[in-house]
Amino acid sequence: MSKPKFTVGDLVVLKTHPLLIGYRIKGDGKLVPPILLVKEVFIESLKKVICDEETGNTIAERNKYTCVYFNDSRSEFLEVVLYESMLETFKKLKIEKIDRKGKVKKDYKKIIDEIVGYKIPRYEYGKIVRLKTKKIEIYKKRSSRTFKVGKNITGVEELSPKETIQYVVNYTSPDFIICGFKKNDEKNSHYSDGSAKKIVAENLYKVKWFNPFQQKFSEQYLPDNFLTDEMKFD
């Protein structure tokens, strides 16, 4: 069996994410998929059928992942199971930052390195923490062009292009308050030969936040390595 490319707590994206190609989103920002956090790793047995018997075409894979993202339109966490070849590491995303003077800084490596360097926050009841995906989701930008019709000195009509840059902050999560801790009821499991079958987080933190859509406070247990208390914003 091939070793899984990702592990619990890793940030991954669907291969269709536009920031894998360029620094700015083109088109409708609502079509951009979220940054995902790996919650569980599954390694299928060799008995798993991954190819169509008639054509030989691949129809599944050995490695698959339960991924989690924050749905900001309903203020809740959602899960999706995806195969490895559908995913790419977040480290390949292109991220730019615009400072307060309007200067564009394409220092995505600095942001990526910051996120990679996050340590698991020490458990402390009442501590404020953030989802590790928050900074990237806030920094996403969409570029669009408009054209102004005018005339040059000879009286000929010309189109003057104007680029507008907007932040696209869908899937951005709120800050959370730690309000509980437990050991994961599910444990890492193995096949009879000792090889890994399922990999999960050992520790779970319960976090609380205000849900404006349901007008109540929500709670959820998350792997401790989904969170950070080190994230800073300029």
C-alpha atoms as a PDB file:
ATOM      1  CA  MET A   1       0.000   0.000   0.000  1.00  0.00           C
ATOM      2  CA  SER A   2       1.202   3.543  -0.729  1.00  0.00           C
ATOM      3  CA  LYS A   3       1.806   5.786   2.261  1.00  0.00           C
ATOM      4  CA  PRO A   4      -0.833   8.539   2.644  1.00  0.00           C
ATOM      5  CA  LYS A   5       0.335  11.907   1.346  1.00  0.00           C
ATOM      6  CA  PHE A   6      -1.499  13.850   4.073  1.00  0.00           C
ATOM      7  CA  THR A   7      -2.078  13.390   7.776  1.00  0.00           C
ATOM      8  CA  VAL A   8      -4.495  14.613  10.444  1.00  0.00           C
ATOM      9  CA  GLY A   9      -4.376  18.404  10.835  1.00  0.00           C
ATOM     10  CA  ASP A  10      -2.964  19.083   7.367  1.00  0.00           C
ATOM     11  CA  LEU A  11      -4.469  21.884   5.287  1.00  0.00           C
ATOM     12  CA  VAL A  12      -5.472  20.771   1.800  1.00  0.00           C
ATOM     13  CA  VAL A  13      -7.463  22.140  -1.131  1.00  0.00           C
ATOM     14  CA  LEU A  14      -9.389  20.702  -4.034  1.00  0.00           C
ATOM     15  CA  LYS A  15      -7.210  20.709  -7.152  1.00  0.00           C
ATOM     16  CA  THR A  16      -9.635  23.149  -8.796  1.00  0.00           C
ATOM     17  CA  HIS A  17      -8.776  25.950  -6.354  1.00  0.00           C
ATOM     18  CA  PRO A  18      -7.949  29.036  -8.463  1.00  0.00           C
ATOM     19  CA  LEU A  19      -5.182  30.248  -6.121  1.00  0.00           C
ATOM     20  CA  LEU A  20      -3.106  27.259  -7.179  1.00  0.00           C
ATOM     21  CA  ILE A  21      -2.815  29.007 -10.546  1.00  0.00           C
ATOM     22  CA  GLY A  22      -2.763  32.736  -9.785  1.00  0.00           C
ATOM     23  CA  TYR A  23      -2.786  35.281  -6.975  1.00  0.00           C
ATOM     24  CA  ARG A  24      -6.343  36.475  -7.662  1.00  0.00           C
ATOM     25  CA  ILE A  25      -9.657  34.802  -8.284  1.00  0.00           C
ATOM     26  CA  LYS A  26     -11.276  35.391 -11.647  1.00  0.00           C
ATOM     27  CA  GLY A  27     -15.025  35.096 -11.969  1.00  0.00           C
ATOM     28  CA  ASP A  28     -17.536  34.340  -9.227  1.00  0.00           C
ATOM     29  CA  GLY A  29     -15.911  34.098  -5.796  1.00  0.00           C
ATOM     30  CA  LYS A  30     -18.753  31.876  -4.553  1.00  0.00           C
ATOM     31  CA  LEU A  31     -17.478  29.060  -6.784  1.00  0.00           C
ATOM     32  CA  VAL A  32     -14.133  28.879  -4.979  1.00  0.00           C
ATOM     33  CA  PRO A  33     -13.865  25.740  -2.781  1.00  0.00           C
ATOM     34  CA  PRO A  34     -12.867  26.079   0.886  1.00  0.00           C
ATOM     35  CA  ILE A  35      -9.544  25.337   2.508  1.00  0.00           C
ATOM     36  CA  LEU A  36      -9.950  21.910   4.134  1.00  0.00           C
ATOM     37  CA  LEU A  37      -8.523  20.371   7.288  1.00  0.00           C
ATOM     38  CA  VAL A  38      -7.824  16.638   7.367  1.00  0.00           C
ATOM     39  CA  LYS A  39      -9.757  15.054  10.246  1.00  0.00           C
ATOM     40  CA  GLU A  40      -9.299  11.349   9.469  1.00  0.00           C
ATOM     41  CA  VAL A  41      -7.066   9.313   7.167  1.00  0.00           C
ATOM     42  CA  PHE A  42      -8.350   6.008   5.751  1.00  0.00           C
ATOM     43  CA  ILE A  43      -6.166   3.416   4.042  1.00  0.00           C
ATOM     44  CA  GLU A  44      -8.263   0.881   2.175  1.00  0.00           C
ATOM     45  CA  SER A  45      -7.306  -2.818   2.213  1.00  0.00           C
ATOM     46  CA  LEU A  46      -5.867  -4.549  -0.837  1.00  0.00           C
ATOM     47  CA  LYS A  47      -9.262  -6.194  -1.271  1.00  0.00           C
ATOM     48  CA  LYS A  48     -10.804  -2.842  -2.144  1.00  0.00           C
ATOM     49  CA  VAL A  49     -11.804  -2.669  -5.809  1.00  0.00           C
ATOM     50  CA  ILE A  50     -10.173   0.425  -7.269  1.00  0.00           C
ATOM     51  CA  CYS A  51     -10.317  -0.394 -10.981  1.00  0.00           C
ATOM     52  CA  ASP A  52     -13.221  -1.268 -13.244  1.00  0.00           C
ATOM     53  CA  GLU A  53     -12.826  -4.930 -14.189  1.00  0.00           C
ATOM     54  CA  GLU A  54     -14.010  -4.419 -17.762  1.00  0.00           C
ATOM     55  CA  THR A  55     -12.110  -1.285 -18.751  1.00  0.00           C
ATOM     56  CA  GLY A  56      -9.290  -1.159 -16.207  1.00  0.00           C
ATOM     57  CA  ASN A  57     -10.160   2.470 -15.467  1.00  0.00           C
ATOM     58  CA  THR A  58      -9.490   3.716 -11.935  1.00  0.00           C
ATOM     59  CA  ILE A  59     -12.731   4.230  -9.990  1.00  0.00           C
ATOM     60  CA  ALA A  60     -11.374   4.614  -6.445  1.00  0.00           C
ATOM     61  CA  GLU A  61      -8.134   4.838  -4.446  1.00  0.00           C
ATOM     62  CA  ARG A  62      -6.468   3.284  -1.435  1.00  0.00           C
ATOM     63  CA  ASN A  63      -6.096   6.545   0.461  1.00  0.00           C
ATOM     64  CA  LYS A  64      -9.011   8.800   1.320  1.00  0.00           C
ATOM     65  CA  TYR A  65      -9.613  11.558   3.838  1.00  0.00           C
ATOM     66  CA  THR A  66     -12.416  12.963   5.940  1.00  0.00           C
ATOM     67  CA  CYS A  67     -11.967  16.717   5.583  1.00  0.00           C
ATOM     68  CA  VAL A  68     -13.577  19.527   7.552  1.00  0.00           C
ATOM     69  CA  TYR A  69     -14.330  23.139   6.638  1.00  0.00           C
ATOM     70  CA  PHE A  70     -16.267  26.002   8.181  1.00  0.00           C
ATOM     71  CA  ASN A  71     -19.427  26.974   6.308  1.00  0.00           C
ATOM     72  CA  ASP A  72     -19.737  30.681   7.091  1.00  0.00           C
ATOM     73  CA  SER A  73     -23.170  30.963   5.438  1.00  0.00           C
ATOM     74  CA  ARG A  74     -24.596  28.775   8.220  1.00  0.00           C
ATOM     75  CA  SER A  75     -21.839  29.187  10.827  1.00  0.00           C
ATOM     76  CA  GLU A  76     -21.212  25.469  11.158  1.00  0.00           C
ATOM     77  CA  PHE A  77     -18.598  22.832  10.422  1.00  0.00           C
ATOM     78  CA  LEU A  78     -19.168  20.417   7.540  1.00  0.00           C
ATOM     79  CA  GLU A  79     -17.373  17.240   6.500  1.00  0.00           C
ATOM     80  CA  VAL A  80     -16.567  15.674   3.147  1.00  0.00           C
ATOM     81  CA  VAL A  81     -14.715  12.456   2.215  1.00  0.00           C
ATOM     82  CA  LEU A  82     -12.267  12.873  -0.680  1.00  0.00           C
ATOM     83  CA  TYR A  83      -9.681  10.710  -2.391  1.00  0.00           C
ATOM     84  CA  GLU A  84      -6.018  11.661  -2.435  1.00  0.00           C
ATOM     85  CA  SER A  85      -5.726  12.484  -6.143  1.00  0.00           C
ATOM     86  CA  MET A  86      -8.491  15.092  -5.748  1.00  0.00           C
ATOM     87  CA  LEU A  87      -6.429  17.094  -3.265  1.00  0.00           C
ATOM     88  CA  GLU A  88      -3.376  19.330  -3.205  1.00  0.00           C
ATOM     89  CA  THR A  89      -1.416  20.722  -0.281  1.00  0.00           C
ATOM     90  CA  PHE A  90      -2.226  24.312   0.711  1.00  0.00           C
ATOM     91  CA  LYS A  91       1.502  25.053   0.494  1.00  0.00           C
ATOM     92  CA  LYS A  92       1.111  25.527  -3.271  1.00  0.00           C
ATOM     93  CA  LEU A  93      -1.466  28.309  -2.931  1.00  0.00           C
ATOM     94  CA  LYS A  94      -0.458  31.761  -4.145  1.00  0.00           C
ATOM     95  CA  ILE A  95      -1.363  34.386  -1.548  1.00  0.00           C
ATOM     96  CA  GLU A  96      -0.779  38.114  -1.687  1.00  0.00           C
ATOM     97  CA  LYS A  97      -1.189  40.780   0.950  1.00  0.00           C
ATOM     98  CA  ILE A  98      -2.106  44.434   0.499  1.00  0.00           C
ATOM     99  CA  ASP A  99      -0.750  46.705   3.219  1.00  0.00           C
ATOM    100  CA  ARG A 100      -2.453  49.787   4.603  1.00  0.00           C
ATOM    101  CA  LYS A 101      -0.789  51.965   1.976  1.00  0.00           C
ATOM    102  CA  GLY A 102      -2.232  49.848  -0.822  1.00  0.00           C
ATOM    103  CA  LYS A 103       1.068  48.200  -1.692  1.00  0.00           C
ATOM    104  CA  VAL A 104       0.740  44.630  -2.965  1.00  0.00           C
ATOM    105  CA  LYS A 105       3.074  42.091  -1.373  1.00  0.00           C
ATOM    106  CA  LYS A 106       3.239  38.660  -2.948  1.00  0.00           C
ATOM    107  CA  ASP A 107       4.828  37.144   0.140  1.00  0.00           C
ATOM    108  CA  TYR A 108       2.804  33.965   0.163  1.00  0.00           C
ATOM    109  CA  LYS A 109       5.800  31.906   1.307  1.00  0.00           C
ATOM    110  CA  LYS A 110       5.955  33.954   4.498  1.00  0.00           C
ATOM    111  CA  ILE A 111       2.275  33.265   5.211  1.00  0.00           C
ATOM    112  CA  ILE A 112       2.597  29.578   4.329  1.00  0.00           C
ATOM    113  CA  ASP A 113       5.659  29.224   6.567  1.00  0.00           C
ATOM    114  CA  GLU A 114       3.803  30.937   9.405  1.00  0.00           C
ATOM    115  CA  ILE A 115       0.924  28.464   9.184  1.00  0.00           C
ATOM    116  CA  VAL A 116       3.246  25.459   8.897  1.00  0.00           C
ATOM    117  CA  GLY A 117       4.995  26.681  12.040  1.00  0.00           C
ATOM    118  CA  TYR A 118       1.863  26.839  14.196  1.00  0.00           C
ATOM    119  CA  LYS A 119       2.148  24.687  17.308  1.00  0.00           C
ATOM    120  CA  ILE A 120      -0.807  22.927  18.909  1.00  0.00           C
ATOM    121  CA  PRO A 121      -2.208  25.417  21.439  1.00  0.00           C
ATOM    122  CA  ARG A 122      -1.833  24.415  25.078  1.00  0.00           C
ATOM    123  CA  TYR A 123      -5.200  23.506  26.552  1.00  0.00           C
ATOM    124  CA  GLU A 124      -6.595  26.298  28.679  1.00  0.00           C
ATOM    125  CA  TYR A 125     -10.253  26.691  29.508  1.00  0.00           C
ATOM    126  CA  GLY A 126     -11.498  30.057  28.177  1.00  0.00           C
ATOM    127  CA  LYS A 127      -8.537  30.563  25.796  1.00  0.00           C
ATOM    128  CA  ILE A 128      -9.248  32.260  22.447  1.00  0.00           C
ATOM    129  CA  VAL A 129      -8.112  30.248  19.421  1.00  0.00           C
ATOM    130  CA  ARG A 130      -8.543  30.391  15.648  1.00  0.00           C
ATOM    131  CA  LEU A 131      -8.983  27.812  12.928  1.00  0.00           C
ATOM    132  CA  LYS A 132      -5.697  27.423  11.017  1.00  0.00           C
ATOM    133  CA  THR A 133      -7.459  28.158   7.715  1.00  0.00           C
ATOM    134  CA  LYS A 134      -8.668  31.613   8.773  1.00  0.00           C
ATOM    135  CA  LYS A 135      -5.761  33.726   7.547  1.00  0.00           C
ATOM    136  CA  ILE A 136      -5.818  32.297   4.027  1.00  0.00           C
ATOM    137  CA  GLU A 137      -9.598  32.618   3.714  1.00  0.00           C
ATOM    138  CA  ILE A 138      -9.427  36.270   4.796  1.00  0.00           C
ATOM    139  CA  TYR A 139      -6.614  37.093   2.355  1.00  0.00           C
ATOM    140  CA  LYS A 140      -8.330  35.645  -0.735  1.00  0.00           C
ATOM    141  CA  LYS A 141      -8.859  38.301  -3.420  1.00  0.00           C
ATOM    142  CA  ARG A 142     -10.939  38.561  -6.543  1.00  0.00           C
ATOM    143  CA  SER A 143      -9.947  40.634  -9.549  1.00  0.00           C
ATOM    144  CA  SER A 144     -12.419  42.064 -12.050  1.00  0.00           C
ATOM    145  CA  ARG A 145     -12.120  44.517 -14.922  1.00  0.00           C
ATOM    146  CA  THR A 146     -14.400  47.305 -16.034  1.00  0.00           C
ATOM    147  CA  PHE A 147     -13.992  49.531 -19.087  1.00  0.00           C
ATOM    148  CA  LYS A 148     -14.680  53.220 -19.428  1.00  0.00           C
ATOM    149  CA  VAL A 149     -15.527  54.585 -22.862  1.00  0.00           C
ATOM    150  CA  GLY A 150     -13.789  57.818 -23.761  1.00  0.00           C
ATOM    151  CA  LYS A 151     -12.302  59.689 -26.718  1.00  0.00           C
ATOM    152  CA  ASN A 152      -8.690  60.421 -27.428  1.00  0.00           C
ATOM    153  CA  ILE A 153      -7.365  63.740 -28.738  1.00  0.00           C
ATOM    154  CA  THR A 154      -8.304  62.779 -32.282  1.00  0.00           C
ATOM    155  CA  GLY A 155     -11.908  62.091 -31.276  1.00  0.00           C
ATOM    156  CA  VAL A 156     -11.693  58.328 -31.666  1.00  0.00           C
ATOM    157  CA  GLU A 157     -13.476  56.295 -28.981  1.00  0.00           C
ATOM    158  CA  GLU A 158     -11.230  54.257 -26.691  1.00  0.00           C
ATOM    159  CA  LEU A 159     -11.814  51.786 -23.887  1.00  0.00           C
ATOM    160  CA  SER A 160      -9.891  52.469 -20.714  1.00  0.00           C
ATOM    161  CA  PRO A 161      -9.613  49.331 -18.541  1.00  0.00           C
ATOM    162  CA  LYS A 162      -9.833  49.552 -14.754  1.00  0.00           C
ATOM    163  CA  GLU A 163      -9.018  46.646 -12.437  1.00  0.00           C
ATOM    164  CA  THR A 164     -10.911  46.298  -9.177  1.00  0.00           C
ATOM    165  CA  ILE A 165      -9.585  44.092  -6.390  1.00  0.00           C
ATOM    166  CA  GLN A 166     -11.947  42.834  -3.702  1.00  0.00           C
ATOM    167  CA  TYR A 167     -11.480  40.525  -0.754  1.00  0.00           C
ATOM    168  CA  VAL A 168     -13.417  37.258  -0.935  1.00  0.00           C
ATOM    169  CA  VAL A 169     -13.932  36.132   2.653  1.00  0.00           C
ATOM    170  CA  ASN A 170     -16.302  33.195   2.287  1.00  0.00           C
ATOM    171  CA  TYR A 171     -15.470  30.218   4.570  1.00  0.00           C
ATOM    172  CA  THR A 172     -13.888  32.591   7.080  1.00  0.00           C
ATOM    173  CA  SER A 173     -14.376  31.327  10.614  1.00  0.00           C
ATOM    174  CA  PRO A 174     -14.902  33.362  13.801  1.00  0.00           C
ATOM    175  CA  ASP A 175     -12.594  33.259  16.780  1.00  0.00           C
ATOM    176  CA  PHE A 176     -13.409  30.422  19.171  1.00  0.00           C
ATOM    177  CA  ILE A 177     -13.266  29.940  22.938  1.00  0.00           C
ATOM    178  CA  ILE A 178     -11.971  26.647  24.305  1.00  0.00           C
ATOM    179  CA  CYS A 179     -14.582  25.165  26.633  1.00  0.00           C
ATOM    180  CA  GLY A 180     -13.795  21.461  26.890  1.00  0.00           C
ATOM    181  CA  PHE A 181     -11.350  18.636  26.301  1.00  0.00           C
ATOM    182  CA  LYS A 182     -11.573  14.897  25.722  1.00  0.00           C
ATOM    183  CA  LYS A 183      -9.571  12.008  24.370  1.00  0.00           C
ATOM    184  CA  ASN A 184     -10.869  10.873  20.987  1.00  0.00           C
ATOM    185  CA  ASP A 185     -13.288   7.939  21.351  1.00  0.00           C
ATOM    186  CA  GLU A 186     -12.047   6.648  18.000  1.00  0.00           C
ATOM    187  CA  LYS A 187      -8.543   5.237  18.001  1.00  0.00           C
ATOM    188  CA  ASN A 188      -5.968   4.619  15.314  1.00  0.00           C
ATOM    189  CA  SER A 189      -6.680   1.194  13.826  1.00  0.00           C
ATOM    190  CA  HIS A 190      -4.520  -1.332  11.982  1.00  0.00           C
ATOM    191  CA  TYR A 191      -4.831  -4.348   9.704  1.00  0.00           C
ATOM    192  CA  SER A 192      -3.761  -7.806  10.854  1.00  0.00           C
ATOM    193  CA  ASP A 193      -0.302  -7.270   9.340  1.00  0.00           C
ATOM    194  CA  GLY A 194       0.187  -4.176  11.498  1.00  0.00           C
ATOM    195  CA  SER A 195      -0.205  -1.609   8.715  1.00  0.00           C
ATOM    196  CA  ALA A 196      -2.321   1.470   9.372  1.00  0.00           C
ATOM    197  CA  LYS A 197      -6.017   1.341   8.533  1.00  0.00           C
ATOM    198  CA  LYS A 198      -7.363   4.550  10.061  1.00  0.00           C
ATOM    199  CA  ILE A 199      -5.540   7.542  11.565  1.00  0.00           C
ATOM    200  CA  VAL A 200      -7.324  10.032  13.823  1.00  0.00           C
ATOM    201  CA  ALA A 201      -6.450  12.796  16.265  1.00  0.00           C
ATOM    202  CA  GLU A 202      -5.635  11.775  19.820  1.00  0.00           C
ATOM    203  CA  ASN A 203      -6.980  14.879  21.559  1.00  0.00           C
ATOM    204  CA  LEU A 204     -10.101  16.930  20.899  1.00  0.00           C
ATOM    205  CA  TYR A 205     -10.826  20.473  22.090  1.00  0.00           C
ATOM    206  CA  LYS A 206     -14.385  21.663  22.445  1.00  0.00           C
ATOM    207  CA  VAL A 207     -14.844  25.200  21.145  1.00  0.00           C
ATOM    208  CA  LYS A 208     -17.705  27.656  21.466  1.00  0.00           C
ATOM    209  CA  TRP A 209     -18.778  30.505  19.184  1.00  0.00           C
ATOM    210  CA  PHE A 210     -21.820  32.663  18.529  1.00  0.00           C
ATOM    211  CA  ASN A 211     -23.930  31.438  15.597  1.00  0.00           C
ATOM    212  CA  PRO A 212     -25.678  34.528  14.133  1.00  0.00           C
ATOM    213  CA  PHE A 213     -27.872  32.472  11.798  1.00  0.00           C
ATOM    214  CA  GLN A 214     -29.388  30.359  14.539  1.00  0.00           C
ATOM    215  CA  GLN A 215     -29.092  33.170  17.100  1.00  0.00           C
ATOM    216  CA  LYS A 216     -27.476  30.892  19.640  1.00  0.00           C
ATOM    217  CA  PHE A 217     -24.062  29.766  20.852  1.00  0.00           C
ATOM    218  CA  SER A 218     -22.727  26.658  19.093  1.00  0.00           C
ATOM    219  CA  GLU A 219     -20.178  24.111  20.294  1.00  0.00           C
ATOM    220  CA  GLN A 220     -18.083  21.463  18.550  1.00  0.00           C
ATOM    221  CA  TYR A 221     -15.222  19.117  19.318  1.00  0.00           C
ATOM    222  CA  LEU A 222     -12.277  19.545  16.932  1.00  0.00           C
ATOM    223  CA  PRO A 223      -8.826  17.926  16.693  1.00  0.00           C
ATOM    224  CA  ASP A 224      -6.429  20.044  18.731  1.00  0.00           C
ATOM    225  CA  ASN A 225      -4.137  20.534  15.726  1.00  0.00           C
ATOM    226  CA  PHE A 226      -6.913  22.295  13.779  1.00  0.00           C
ATOM    227  CA  LEU A 227      -6.422  25.308  16.035  1.00  0.00           C
ATOM    228  CA  THR A 228      -3.837  27.960  16.816  1.00  0.00           C
ATOM    229  CA  ASP A 229      -3.347  30.768  19.313  1.00  0.00           C
ATOM    230  CA  GLU A 230      -0.420  32.238  17.358  1.00  0.00           C
ATOM    231  CA  MET A 231      -2.181  33.798  14.343  1.00  0.00           C
ATOM    232  CA  LYS A 232      -1.523  37.522  13.964  1.00  0.00           C
ATOM    233  CA  PHE A 233      -2.922  40.110  11.555  1.00  0.00           C
ATOM    234  CA  ASP A 234      -1.182  43.326  10.491  1.00  0.00           C
END
